[in-house]
Amino acid sequence: MEKHQLHPDIMKRLKRASGHLSKVIEMLEKEEPCLKIAQQLQAVSKAIISAKTALVTQHIEDCLGESIPASKKNQFKEIKEITKYL
């Protein structure tokens, strides 16, 4: 299977999330303030959601886009637009 163009970007996002998650674990072990831990957890969540959205959007575009008949292009465009809200 051909490597997708955005996969390196998605991997960067997931590595960032992994770094944030490691930091959260370290903060919990050191019993740091809950507010700081919550901020780091938010960063983990955002990075993972961003990676998921990029992956789904790319899949729709690259893997499904070519199979859509011209008569359905407007509906396809709407599907791509709604992925922002995943």
N, C-alpha and C. Protein backbone atom coordinates (compact mmCIF):
# COMPACT_ATOMS: atom_id res chain seq x y z
N MET A 1 0.84 -1.18 0.00
CA MET A 1 0.00 0.00 0.00
C MET A 1 0.88 1.25 0.00
N GLU A 2 0.50 2.20 -0.77
CA GLU A 2 1.25 3.44 -0.89
C GLU A 2 1.19 4.22 0.42
N LYS A 3 2.33 4.78 0.81
CA LYS A 3 2.39 5.56 2.05
C LYS A 3 1.64 6.88 1.86
N HIS A 4 0.82 7.20 2.82
CA HIS A 4 0.04 8.43 2.73
C HIS A 4 0.92 9.63 3.02
N GLN A 5 0.60 10.71 2.38
CA GLN A 5 1.37 11.95 2.47
C GLN A 5 1.39 12.51 3.89
N LEU A 6 0.30 12.42 4.61
CA LEU A 6 0.22 13.03 5.94
C LEU A 6 0.67 12.12 7.09
N HIS A 7 0.98 10.87 6.80
CA HIS A 7 1.36 9.98 7.90
C HIS A 7 2.53 10.50 8.73
N PRO A 8 3.58 11.07 8.12
CA PRO A 8 4.65 11.63 8.97
C PRO A 8 4.14 12.72 9.92
N ASP A 9 3.21 13.54 9.46
CA ASP A 9 2.62 14.58 10.31
C ASP A 9 1.81 13.94 11.44
N ILE A 10 1.07 12.90 11.13
CA ILE A 10 0.28 12.21 12.14
C ILE A 10 1.20 11.57 13.17
N MET A 11 2.29 10.98 12.72
CA MET A 11 3.25 10.38 13.66
C MET A 11 3.84 11.44 14.59
N LYS A 12 4.12 12.63 14.05
CA LYS A 12 4.63 13.71 14.90
C LYS A 12 3.62 14.08 15.98
N ARG A 13 2.36 14.16 15.60
CA ARG A 13 1.31 14.50 16.56
C ARG A 13 1.22 13.45 17.66
N LEU A 14 1.32 12.18 17.26
CA LEU A 14 1.23 11.09 18.25
C LEU A 14 2.47 11.05 19.14
N LYS A 15 3.63 11.35 18.59
CA LYS A 15 4.84 11.41 19.41
C LYS A 15 4.74 12.55 20.41
N ARG A 16 4.16 13.66 19.98
CA ARG A 16 3.94 14.78 20.89
C ARG A 16 3.00 14.36 22.01
N ALA A 17 1.93 13.65 21.65
CA ALA A 17 0.99 13.16 22.67
C ALA A 17 1.68 12.21 23.63
N SER A 18 2.54 11.36 23.10
CA SER A 18 3.28 10.42 23.94
C SER A 18 4.18 11.16 24.93
N GLY A 19 4.82 12.22 24.46
CA GLY A 19 5.66 13.03 25.34
C GLY A 19 4.85 13.69 26.43
N HIS A 20 3.69 14.22 26.07
CA HIS A 20 2.81 14.84 27.07
C HIS A 20 2.33 13.79 28.07
N LEU A 21 1.99 12.61 27.58
CA LEU A 21 1.51 11.56 28.47
C LEU A 21 2.60 11.12 29.45
N SER A 22 3.83 11.00 28.95
CA SER A 22 4.96 10.66 29.84
C SER A 22 5.12 11.72 30.92
N LYS A 23 4.93 12.98 30.52
CA LYS A 23 5.03 14.08 31.48
C LYS A 23 3.93 13.97 32.53
N VAL A 24 2.71 13.61 32.11
CA VAL A 24 1.61 13.46 33.05
C VAL A 24 1.93 12.38 34.08
N ILE A 25 2.44 11.26 33.63
CA ILE A 25 2.79 10.17 34.54
C ILE A 25 3.85 10.63 35.54
N GLU A 26 4.84 11.33 35.02
CA GLU A 26 5.90 11.87 35.89
C GLU A 26 5.32 12.84 36.91
N MET A 27 4.42 13.70 36.47
CA MET A 27 3.80 14.66 37.36
C MET A 27 2.98 13.98 38.45
N LEU A 28 2.27 12.91 38.08
CA LEU A 28 1.49 12.17 39.06
C LEU A 28 2.41 11.51 40.09
N GLU A 29 3.50 10.95 39.61
CA GLU A 29 4.47 10.31 40.52
C GLU A 29 5.06 11.32 41.50
N LYS A 30 5.26 12.55 41.04
CA LYS A 30 5.82 13.60 41.89
C LYS A 30 4.75 14.34 42.69
N GLU A 31 3.49 13.91 42.51
CA GLU A 31 2.36 14.53 43.19
C GLU A 31 2.28 16.04 42.96
N GLU A 32 2.43 16.42 41.72
CA GLU A 32 2.33 17.84 41.35
C GLU A 32 0.86 18.27 41.41
N PRO A 33 0.62 19.58 41.39
CA PRO A 33 -0.75 20.09 41.51
C PRO A 33 -1.67 19.58 40.39
N CYS A 34 -2.91 19.30 40.78
CA CYS A 34 -3.89 18.77 39.84
C CYS A 34 -4.12 19.69 38.64
N LEU A 35 -4.09 20.99 38.86
CA LEU A 35 -4.31 21.93 37.77
C LEU A 35 -3.26 21.74 36.67
N LYS A 36 -2.01 21.61 37.05
CA LYS A 36 -0.94 21.41 36.07
C LYS A 36 -1.10 20.07 35.36
N ILE A 37 -1.50 19.05 36.10
CA ILE A 37 -1.71 17.73 35.51
C ILE A 37 -2.86 17.78 34.50
N ALA A 38 -3.92 18.46 34.88
CA ALA A 38 -5.08 18.58 33.98
C ALA A 38 -4.70 19.30 32.69
N GLN A 39 -3.84 20.31 32.80
CA GLN A 39 -3.38 21.04 31.61
C GLN A 39 -2.62 20.10 30.69
N GLN A 40 -1.76 19.28 31.25
CA GLN A 40 -1.01 18.33 30.43
C GLN A 40 -1.93 17.28 29.81
N LEU A 41 -2.92 16.82 30.56
CA LEU A 41 -3.88 15.85 30.02
C LEU A 41 -4.66 16.46 28.86
N GLN A 42 -4.97 17.74 28.97
CA GLN A 42 -5.65 18.43 27.86
C GLN A 42 -4.77 18.43 26.62
N ALA A 43 -3.48 18.64 26.79
CA ALA A 43 -2.55 18.63 25.66
C ALA A 43 -2.50 17.24 25.03
N VAL A 44 -2.53 16.20 25.85
CA VAL A 44 -2.55 14.82 25.33
C VAL A 44 -3.81 14.61 24.50
N SER A 45 -4.94 15.00 25.05
CA SER A 45 -6.22 14.83 24.34
C SER A 45 -6.23 15.56 23.01
N LYS A 46 -5.79 16.80 23.01
CA LYS A 46 -5.80 17.59 21.79
C LYS A 46 -4.90 16.98 20.72
N ALA A 47 -3.73 16.49 21.12
CA ALA A 47 -2.80 15.90 20.16
C ALA A 47 -3.38 14.63 19.54
N ILE A 48 -4.03 13.81 20.36
CA ILE A 48 -4.62 12.56 19.85
C ILE A 48 -5.81 12.86 18.94
N ILE A 49 -6.66 13.76 19.36
CA ILE A 49 -7.81 14.13 18.54
C ILE A 49 -7.35 14.73 17.21
N SER A 50 -6.33 15.54 17.25
CA SER A 50 -5.78 16.14 16.03
C SER A 50 -5.25 15.07 15.09
N ALA A 51 -4.56 14.09 15.63
CA ALA A 51 -4.03 12.99 14.81
C ALA A 51 -5.16 12.18 14.20
N LYS A 52 -6.18 11.88 15.01
CA LYS A 52 -7.32 11.10 14.52
C LYS A 52 -8.05 11.84 13.40
N THR A 53 -8.29 13.11 13.60
CA THR A 53 -8.98 13.91 12.59
C THR A 53 -8.18 13.96 11.29
N ALA A 54 -6.88 14.16 11.40
CA ALA A 54 -6.03 14.19 10.20
C ALA A 54 -6.07 12.86 9.47
N LEU A 55 -6.02 11.75 10.22
CA LEU A 55 -6.04 10.43 9.60
C LEU A 55 -7.36 10.17 8.88
N VAL A 56 -8.48 10.45 9.54
CA VAL A 56 -9.79 10.20 8.94
C VAL A 56 -9.99 11.09 7.72
N THR A 57 -9.65 12.36 7.84
CA THR A 57 -9.78 13.29 6.72
C THR A 57 -8.95 12.84 5.54
N GLN A 58 -7.71 12.45 5.81
CA GLN A 58 -6.83 11.99 4.73
C GLN A 58 -7.38 10.73 4.07
N HIS A 59 -7.88 9.82 4.87
CA HIS A 59 -8.44 8.59 4.31
C HIS A 59 -9.61 8.90 3.40
N ILE A 60 -10.49 9.76 3.84
CA ILE A 60 -11.64 10.14 3.01
C ILE A 60 -11.16 10.74 1.70
N GLU A 61 -10.21 11.63 1.78
CA GLU A 61 -9.71 12.31 0.59
C GLU A 61 -8.96 11.36 -0.34
N ASP A 62 -7.97 10.66 0.19
CA ASP A 62 -7.08 9.85 -0.64
C ASP A 62 -7.67 8.51 -1.06
N CYS A 63 -8.36 7.86 -0.17
CA CYS A 63 -8.80 6.49 -0.43
C CYS A 63 -10.21 6.41 -0.99
N LEU A 64 -11.03 7.37 -0.68
CA LEU A 64 -12.41 7.32 -1.13
C LEU A 64 -12.72 8.33 -2.23
N GLY A 65 -11.98 9.40 -2.27
CA GLY A 65 -12.28 10.50 -3.19
C GLY A 65 -12.33 10.12 -4.65
N GLU A 66 -11.43 9.26 -5.08
CA GLU A 66 -11.38 8.90 -6.50
C GLU A 66 -12.55 8.02 -6.92
N SER A 67 -13.18 7.35 -5.98
CA SER A 67 -14.28 6.44 -6.32
C SER A 67 -15.65 7.13 -6.34
N ILE A 68 -15.68 8.40 -6.01
CA ILE A 68 -16.95 9.14 -5.95
C ILE A 68 -17.31 9.63 -7.35
N PRO A 69 -18.50 9.28 -7.82
CA PRO A 69 -18.93 9.78 -9.14
C PRO A 69 -19.12 11.29 -9.13
N ALA A 70 -18.96 11.90 -10.28
CA ALA A 70 -19.08 13.36 -10.40
C ALA A 70 -20.41 13.87 -9.85
N SER A 71 -21.47 13.10 -10.01
CA SER A 71 -22.79 13.53 -9.55
C SER A 71 -22.89 13.62 -8.02
N LYS A 72 -21.94 13.02 -7.31
CA LYS A 72 -21.97 13.01 -5.84
C LYS A 72 -20.86 13.87 -5.22
N LYS A 73 -20.16 14.65 -6.04
CA LYS A 73 -19.03 15.42 -5.53
C LYS A 73 -19.43 16.43 -4.46
N ASN A 74 -20.62 17.04 -4.59
CA ASN A 74 -21.05 18.02 -3.58
C ASN A 74 -21.28 17.35 -2.23
N GLN A 75 -21.89 16.16 -2.24
CA GLN A 75 -22.09 15.43 -0.99
C GLN A 75 -20.75 14.99 -0.40
N PHE A 76 -19.83 14.60 -1.26
CA PHE A 76 -18.50 14.20 -0.81
C PHE A 76 -17.79 15.38 -0.15
N LYS A 77 -17.92 16.56 -0.74
CA LYS A 77 -17.32 17.76 -0.17
C LYS A 77 -17.89 18.03 1.22
N GLU A 78 -19.18 17.83 1.39
CA GLU A 78 -19.81 18.04 2.69
C GLU A 78 -19.30 17.03 3.72
N ILE A 79 -19.11 15.80 3.30
CA ILE A 79 -18.55 14.78 4.22
C ILE A 79 -17.16 15.20 4.67
N LYS A 80 -16.33 15.66 3.76
CA LYS A 80 -14.99 16.12 4.12
C LYS A 80 -15.05 17.28 5.10
N GLU A 81 -15.98 18.20 4.87
CA GLU A 81 -16.12 19.36 5.74
C GLU A 81 -16.51 18.97 7.17
N ILE A 82 -17.41 18.00 7.29
CA ILE A 82 -17.91 17.64 8.61
C ILE A 82 -16.86 16.91 9.44
N THR A 83 -15.82 16.39 8.81
CA THR A 83 -14.78 15.70 9.59
C THR A 83 -14.05 16.64 10.53
N LYS A 84 -14.17 17.93 10.33
CA LYS A 84 -13.55 18.90 11.25
C LYS A 84 -14.11 18.73 12.66
N TYR A 85 -15.31 18.21 12.74
CA TYR A 85 -15.99 18.13 14.02
C TYR A 85 -15.85 16.76 14.71
N LEU A 86 -14.96 15.94 14.19
CA LEU A 86 -14.71 14.63 14.83
C LEU A 86 -14.02 14.82 16.16
